[in-house]
């Protein structure tokens, strides 16, 4: 009887505590997108557009950008983007939002969804042109409450970092693929 009461107590605590689960980020593979470094790049301004609900620091975004550039193997970092058609000065603008949705599944349980959304805009500019590339990450966390009792969804530092990395890697991949396509289709002698 004592064991039955103990098991029932643990089951009650588990049910009343609710459960939380996270949907993993999609991995953006950049590994060796280019066979060799093809473009000179200097990193300029990295800043939030003013909407920064995840309280992301520009240093965390810079770290994610540097790692994505290294992983792609397309860009050689320089102190200034120079050269006709070859070097780019790069700025990055980011935004982060938290969106919460709540709905009742039935009389007893409700579900809360929290979405962490990070968007990045990379602007690459050289003597000839200005190009813009976008990246986005949407990370979903679900939390089920029973009779209104359960834990609140907690956003931790690793969730923020993964969101930043996914959005930045997405924009860098778009940039690398576009620049490589432009180089293949550019007429001879244009600096590409």
C-alpha atoms as a PDB file:
ATOM      1  CA  UNK A   1       0.000   0.000   0.000  1.00  0.00           C
ATOM      2  CA  UNK A   2       2.864   2.339   0.873  1.00  0.00           C
ATOM      3  CA  UNK A   3       4.424   1.720  -2.557  1.00  0.00           C
ATOM      4  CA  UNK A   4       1.134   2.422  -4.302  1.00  0.00           C
ATOM      5  CA  UNK A   5       0.827   5.780  -2.536  1.00  0.00           C
ATOM      6  CA  UNK A   6       4.430   6.630  -3.465  1.00  0.00           C
ATOM      7  CA  UNK A   7       3.870   5.773  -7.143  1.00  0.00           C
ATOM      8  CA  UNK A   8       0.594   7.736  -7.197  1.00  0.00           C
ATOM      9  CA  UNK A   9       2.353  10.750  -5.644  1.00  0.00           C
ATOM     10  CA  UNK A  10       5.106  10.741  -8.288  1.00  0.00           C
ATOM     11  CA  UNK A  11       2.547  10.348 -11.077  1.00  0.00           C
ATOM     12  CA  UNK A  12       0.543  13.275  -9.710  1.00  0.00           C
ATOM     13  CA  UNK A  13       3.607  15.477  -9.493  1.00  0.00           C
ATOM     14  CA  UNK A  14       4.578  14.597 -13.057  1.00  0.00           C
ATOM     15  CA  UNK A  15       1.103  15.353 -14.368  1.00  0.00           C
ATOM     16  CA  UNK A  16       0.734  18.581 -12.430  1.00  0.00           C
ATOM     17  CA  UNK A  17       4.193  19.741 -13.387  1.00  0.00           C
ATOM     18  CA  UNK A  18       3.309  19.566 -17.045  1.00  0.00           C
ATOM     19  CA  UNK A  19       5.942  18.916 -19.643  1.00  0.00           C
ATOM     20  CA  UNK A  20       8.052  21.040 -21.899  1.00  0.00           C
ATOM     21  CA  UNK A  21       9.739  20.149 -25.136  1.00  0.00           C
ATOM     22  CA  UNK A  22      11.708  21.991 -27.761  1.00  0.00           C
ATOM     23  CA  UNK A  23      11.754  21.626 -31.503  1.00  0.00           C
ATOM     24  CA  UNK A  24      15.342  21.520 -32.724  1.00  0.00           C
ATOM     25  CA  UNK A  25      16.779  24.084 -35.119  1.00  0.00           C
ATOM     26  CA  UNK A  26      17.316  23.090 -38.700  1.00  0.00           C
ATOM     27  CA  UNK A  27      21.058  22.746 -39.296  1.00  0.00           C
ATOM     28  CA  UNK A  28      22.426  24.957 -42.068  1.00  0.00           C
ATOM     29  CA  UNK A  29      25.411  23.139 -43.562  1.00  0.00           C
ATOM     30  CA  UNK A  30      28.136  25.510 -44.722  1.00  0.00           C
ATOM     31  CA  UNK A  31      31.080  23.169 -44.500  1.00  0.00           C
ATOM     32  CA  UNK A  32      33.365  23.907 -47.430  1.00  0.00           C
ATOM     33  CA  UNK A  33      30.750  25.641 -49.568  1.00  0.00           C
ATOM     34  CA  UNK A  34      33.726  26.922 -51.604  1.00  0.00           C
ATOM     35  CA  UNK A  35      36.860  24.967 -52.481  1.00  0.00           C
ATOM     36  CA  UNK A  36      38.999  27.980 -51.733  1.00  0.00           C
ATOM     37  CA  UNK A  37      38.625  31.485 -50.378  1.00  0.00           C
ATOM     38  CA  UNK A  38      37.301  33.580 -53.263  1.00  0.00           C
ATOM     39  CA  UNK A  39      36.206  36.894 -51.734  1.00  0.00           C
ATOM     40  CA  UNK A  40      37.850  39.456 -49.480  1.00  0.00           C
ATOM     41  CA  UNK A  41      35.575  40.665 -46.756  1.00  0.00           C
ATOM     42  CA  UNK A  42      35.798  43.224 -44.003  1.00  0.00           C
ATOM     43  CA  UNK A  43      33.258  43.212 -41.216  1.00  0.00           C
ATOM     44  CA  UNK A  44      31.776  46.580 -40.415  1.00  0.00           C
ATOM     45  CA  UNK A  45      28.786  47.456 -38.285  1.00  0.00           C
ATOM     46  CA  UNK A  46      26.847  44.715 -36.470  1.00  0.00           C
ATOM     47  CA  UNK A  47      23.788  46.024 -34.682  1.00  0.00           C
ATOM     48  CA  UNK A  48      20.187  45.395 -33.752  1.00  0.00           C
ATOM     49  CA  UNK A  49      17.443  47.219 -35.621  1.00  0.00           C
ATOM     50  CA  UNK A  50      15.964  48.133 -32.225  1.00  0.00           C
ATOM     51  CA  UNK A  51      13.810  45.025 -31.781  1.00  0.00           C
ATOM     52  CA  UNK A  52      15.906  42.765 -29.586  1.00  0.00           C
ATOM     53  CA  UNK A  53      13.554  40.874 -27.267  1.00  0.00           C
ATOM     54  CA  UNK A  54      16.089  38.056 -26.798  1.00  0.00           C
ATOM     55  CA  UNK A  55      18.658  40.607 -25.599  1.00  0.00           C
ATOM     56  CA  UNK A  56      21.271  39.376 -28.072  1.00  0.00           C
ATOM     57  CA  UNK A  57      24.646  41.072 -27.940  1.00  0.00           C
ATOM     58  CA  UNK A  58      26.428  42.210 -31.084  1.00  0.00           C
ATOM     59  CA  UNK A  59      29.468  40.224 -29.891  1.00  0.00           C
ATOM     60  CA  UNK A  60      27.457  36.976 -29.992  1.00  0.00           C
ATOM     61  CA  UNK A  61      26.300  37.838 -33.515  1.00  0.00           C
ATOM     62  CA  UNK A  62      29.886  38.694 -34.553  1.00  0.00           C
ATOM     63  CA  UNK A  63      31.115  35.341 -33.210  1.00  0.00           C
ATOM     64  CA  UNK A  64      28.390  33.493 -35.144  1.00  0.00           C
ATOM     65  CA  UNK A  65      29.237  35.447 -38.305  1.00  0.00           C
ATOM     66  CA  UNK A  66      32.967  34.752 -38.045  1.00  0.00           C
ATOM     67  CA  UNK A  67      32.317  31.034 -37.519  1.00  0.00           C
ATOM     68  CA  UNK A  68      29.905  30.871 -40.466  1.00  0.00           C
ATOM     69  CA  UNK A  69      32.404  32.650 -42.730  1.00  0.00           C
ATOM     70  CA  UNK A  70      35.173  30.223 -41.685  1.00  0.00           C
ATOM     71  CA  UNK A  71      32.931  27.199 -42.204  1.00  0.00           C
ATOM     72  CA  UNK A  72      31.937  28.293 -45.708  1.00  0.00           C
ATOM     73  CA  UNK A  73      35.595  28.640 -46.792  1.00  0.00           C
ATOM     74  CA  UNK A  74      34.525  31.339 -49.290  1.00  0.00           C
ATOM     75  CA  UNK A  75      35.644  34.509 -47.546  1.00  0.00           C
ATOM     76  CA  UNK A  76      39.008  35.838 -46.492  1.00  0.00           C
ATOM     77  CA  UNK A  77      38.744  38.430 -43.782  1.00  0.00           C
ATOM     78  CA  UNK A  78      40.635  41.666 -44.277  1.00  0.00           C
ATOM     79  CA  UNK A  79      40.808  44.923 -42.385  1.00  0.00           C
ATOM     80  CA  UNK A  80      39.085  46.765 -45.241  1.00  0.00           C
ATOM     81  CA  UNK A  81      37.059  45.554 -48.192  1.00  0.00           C
ATOM     82  CA  UNK A  82      39.007  46.858 -51.145  1.00  0.00           C
ATOM     83  CA  UNK A  83      39.627  46.039 -54.741  1.00  0.00           C
ATOM     84  CA  UNK A  84      37.513  46.442 -57.824  1.00  0.00           C
ATOM     85  CA  UNK A  85      34.769  43.816 -57.664  1.00  0.00           C
ATOM     86  CA  UNK A  86      36.659  41.568 -55.251  1.00  0.00           C
ATOM     87  CA  UNK A  87      36.518  43.049 -51.757  1.00  0.00           C
ATOM     88  CA  UNK A  88      33.335  43.653 -49.812  1.00  0.00           C
ATOM     89  CA  UNK A  89      32.577  45.725 -46.781  1.00  0.00           C
ATOM     90  CA  UNK A  90      29.944  43.915 -44.753  1.00  0.00           C
ATOM     91  CA  UNK A  91      27.355  45.152 -42.271  1.00  0.00           C
ATOM     92  CA  UNK A  92      24.876  42.993 -40.400  1.00  0.00           C
ATOM     93  CA  UNK A  93      21.526  44.077 -39.003  1.00  0.00           C
ATOM     94  CA  UNK A  94      19.609  41.717 -36.734  1.00  0.00           C
ATOM     95  CA  UNK A  95      16.281  41.540 -34.983  1.00  0.00           C
ATOM     96  CA  UNK A  96      14.976  39.118 -32.372  1.00  0.00           C
ATOM     97  CA  UNK A  97      11.441  38.534 -31.197  1.00  0.00           C
ATOM     98  CA  UNK A  98       9.614  36.276 -28.759  1.00  0.00           C
ATOM     99  CA  UNK A  99       6.063  35.307 -29.681  1.00  0.00           C
ATOM    100  CA  UNK A 100       3.870  33.402 -27.221  1.00  0.00           C
ATOM    101  CA  UNK A 101       0.662  31.583 -28.049  1.00  0.00           C
ATOM    102  CA  UNK A 102      -1.638  29.826 -25.595  1.00  0.00           C
ATOM    103  CA  UNK A 103      -4.594  27.587 -26.296  1.00  0.00           C
ATOM    104  CA  UNK A 104      -6.670  25.071 -24.391  1.00  0.00           C
ATOM    105  CA  UNK A 105      -6.381  21.495 -25.610  1.00  0.00           C
ATOM    106  CA  UNK A 106      -9.280  20.346 -23.448  1.00  0.00           C
ATOM    107  CA  UNK A 107     -10.829  21.164 -20.074  1.00  0.00           C
ATOM    108  CA  UNK A 108      -7.816  19.941 -18.139  1.00  0.00           C
ATOM    109  CA  UNK A 109      -4.765  20.773 -20.265  1.00  0.00           C
ATOM    110  CA  UNK A 110      -3.520  23.839 -22.059  1.00  0.00           C
ATOM    111  CA  UNK A 111      -0.521  24.302 -24.295  1.00  0.00           C
ATOM    112  CA  UNK A 112       1.758  27.274 -24.566  1.00  0.00           C
ATOM    113  CA  UNK A 113       4.036  27.735 -27.534  1.00  0.00           C
ATOM    114  CA  UNK A 114       6.946  30.124 -27.461  1.00  0.00           C
ATOM    115  CA  UNK A 115       8.681  31.046 -30.691  1.00  0.00           C
ATOM    116  CA  UNK A 116      12.157  32.577 -30.724  1.00  0.00           C
ATOM    117  CA  UNK A 117      12.605  34.368 -34.040  1.00  0.00           C
ATOM    118  CA  UNK A 118      15.927  35.820 -35.155  1.00  0.00           C
ATOM    119  CA  UNK A 119      16.315  37.530 -38.518  1.00  0.00           C
ATOM    120  CA  UNK A 120      19.534  38.817 -40.036  1.00  0.00           C
ATOM    121  CA  UNK A 121      20.268  41.055 -42.993  1.00  0.00           C
ATOM    122  CA  UNK A 122      23.811  41.022 -44.334  1.00  0.00           C
ATOM    123  CA  UNK A 123      24.696  43.901 -46.631  1.00  0.00           C
ATOM    124  CA  UNK A 124      27.826  43.460 -48.755  1.00  0.00           C
ATOM    125  CA  UNK A 125      29.100  46.473 -50.620  1.00  0.00           C
ATOM    126  CA  UNK A 126      32.062  47.067 -52.917  1.00  0.00           C
ATOM    127  CA  UNK A 127      33.006  49.600 -55.565  1.00  0.00           C
ATOM    128  CA  UNK A 128      30.492  48.184 -58.072  1.00  0.00           C
ATOM    129  CA  UNK A 129      27.484  46.991 -56.175  1.00  0.00           C
ATOM    130  CA  UNK A 130      25.531  46.460 -52.988  1.00  0.00           C
ATOM    131  CA  UNK A 131      24.064  43.039 -52.254  1.00  0.00           C
ATOM    132  CA  UNK A 132      21.669  42.081 -49.464  1.00  0.00           C
ATOM    133  CA  UNK A 133      21.182  38.599 -48.000  1.00  0.00           C
ATOM    134  CA  UNK A 134      18.648  37.500 -45.411  1.00  0.00           C
ATOM    135  CA  UNK A 135      18.638  34.714 -42.861  1.00  0.00           C
ATOM    136  CA  UNK A 136      15.967  33.608 -40.418  1.00  0.00           C
ATOM    137  CA  UNK A 137      15.674  31.222 -37.525  1.00  0.00           C
ATOM    138  CA  UNK A 138      12.481  30.178 -35.804  1.00  0.00           C
ATOM    139  CA  UNK A 139      12.814  28.021 -32.709  1.00  0.00           C
ATOM    140  CA  UNK A 140       9.682  26.577 -31.099  1.00  0.00           C
ATOM    141  CA  UNK A 141       9.249  25.558 -27.483  1.00  0.00           C
ATOM    142  CA  UNK A 142       6.067  23.872 -26.224  1.00  0.00           C
ATOM    143  CA  UNK A 143       4.895  23.728 -22.665  1.00  0.00           C
ATOM    144  CA  UNK A 144       1.854  21.773 -21.510  1.00  0.00           C
ATOM    145  CA  UNK A 145       0.070  22.748 -18.314  1.00  0.00           C
ATOM    146  CA  UNK A 146      -2.437  20.656 -16.468  1.00  0.00           C
ATOM    147  CA  UNK A 147      -5.161  22.529 -14.588  1.00  0.00           C
ATOM    148  CA  UNK A 148      -3.127  25.693 -15.132  1.00  0.00           C
ATOM    149  CA  UNK A 149      -0.214  24.280 -13.164  1.00  0.00           C
ATOM    150  CA  UNK A 150       3.196  23.819 -14.716  1.00  0.00           C
ATOM    151  CA  UNK A 151       6.461  25.520 -15.371  1.00  0.00           C
ATOM    152  CA  UNK A 152       6.812  28.630 -17.468  1.00  0.00           C
ATOM    153  CA  UNK A 153       8.852  28.292 -20.637  1.00  0.00           C
ATOM    154  CA  UNK A 154      12.445  29.285 -19.985  1.00  0.00           C
ATOM    155  CA  UNK A 155      14.679  30.662 -22.716  1.00  0.00           C
ATOM    156  CA  UNK A 156      18.278  29.808 -21.954  1.00  0.00           C
ATOM    157  CA  UNK A 157      21.527  31.117 -23.394  1.00  0.00           C
ATOM    158  CA  UNK A 158      22.116  28.090 -25.632  1.00  0.00           C
ATOM    159  CA  UNK A 159      18.651  28.563 -27.211  1.00  0.00           C
ATOM    160  CA  UNK A 160      19.593  32.148 -28.067  1.00  0.00           C
ATOM    161  CA  UNK A 161      22.993  31.164 -29.492  1.00  0.00           C
ATOM    162  CA  UNK A 162      21.513  28.404 -31.661  1.00  0.00           C
ATOM    163  CA  UNK A 163      18.912  30.861 -32.971  1.00  0.00           C
ATOM    164  CA  UNK A 164      21.605  33.400 -33.838  1.00  0.00           C
ATOM    165  CA  UNK A 165      23.824  30.795 -35.496  1.00  0.00           C
ATOM    166  CA  UNK A 166      21.013  29.419 -37.643  1.00  0.00           C
ATOM    167  CA  UNK A 167      19.932  32.865 -38.884  1.00  0.00           C
ATOM    168  CA  UNK A 168      23.501  33.994 -39.606  1.00  0.00           C
ATOM    169  CA  UNK A 169      24.496  30.731 -41.300  1.00  0.00           C
ATOM    170  CA  UNK A 170      21.398  30.960 -43.467  1.00  0.00           C
ATOM    171  CA  UNK A 171      22.342  34.459 -44.686  1.00  0.00           C
ATOM    172  CA  UNK A 172      26.011  33.500 -45.247  1.00  0.00           C
ATOM    173  CA  UNK A 173      24.962  30.453 -47.257  1.00  0.00           C
ATOM    174  CA  UNK A 174      22.717  32.616 -49.439  1.00  0.00           C
ATOM    175  CA  UNK A 175      25.594  35.097 -49.930  1.00  0.00           C
ATOM    176  CA  UNK A 176      28.137  32.415 -50.833  1.00  0.00           C
ATOM    177  CA  UNK A 177      25.815  30.730 -53.312  1.00  0.00           C
ATOM    178  CA  UNK A 178      24.823  34.033 -54.941  1.00  0.00           C
ATOM    179  CA  UNK A 179      28.402  35.268 -55.249  1.00  0.00           C
ATOM    180  CA  UNK A 180      29.565  31.979 -56.739  1.00  0.00           C
ATOM    181  CA  UNK A 181      26.695  32.031 -59.245  1.00  0.00           C
ATOM    182  CA  UNK A 182      27.479  35.672 -60.134  1.00  0.00           C
ATOM    183  CA  UNK A 183      31.115  34.804 -60.703  1.00  0.00           C
ATOM    184  CA  UNK A 184      30.263  31.916 -63.028  1.00  0.00           C
ATOM    185  CA  UNK A 185      27.859  33.995 -65.105  1.00  0.00           C
ATOM    186  CA  UNK A 186      29.815  37.283 -65.158  1.00  0.00           C
ATOM    187  CA  UNK A 187      31.391  38.303 -68.462  1.00  0.00           C
ATOM    188  CA  UNK A 188      35.183  38.064 -68.623  1.00  0.00           C
ATOM    189  CA  UNK A 189      37.053  41.138 -67.433  1.00  0.00           C
ATOM    190  CA  UNK A 190      34.391  42.458 -65.075  1.00  0.00           C
ATOM    191  CA  UNK A 191      36.433  41.914 -61.929  1.00  0.00           C
ATOM    192  CA  UNK A 192      34.551  38.829 -60.833  1.00  0.00           C
END
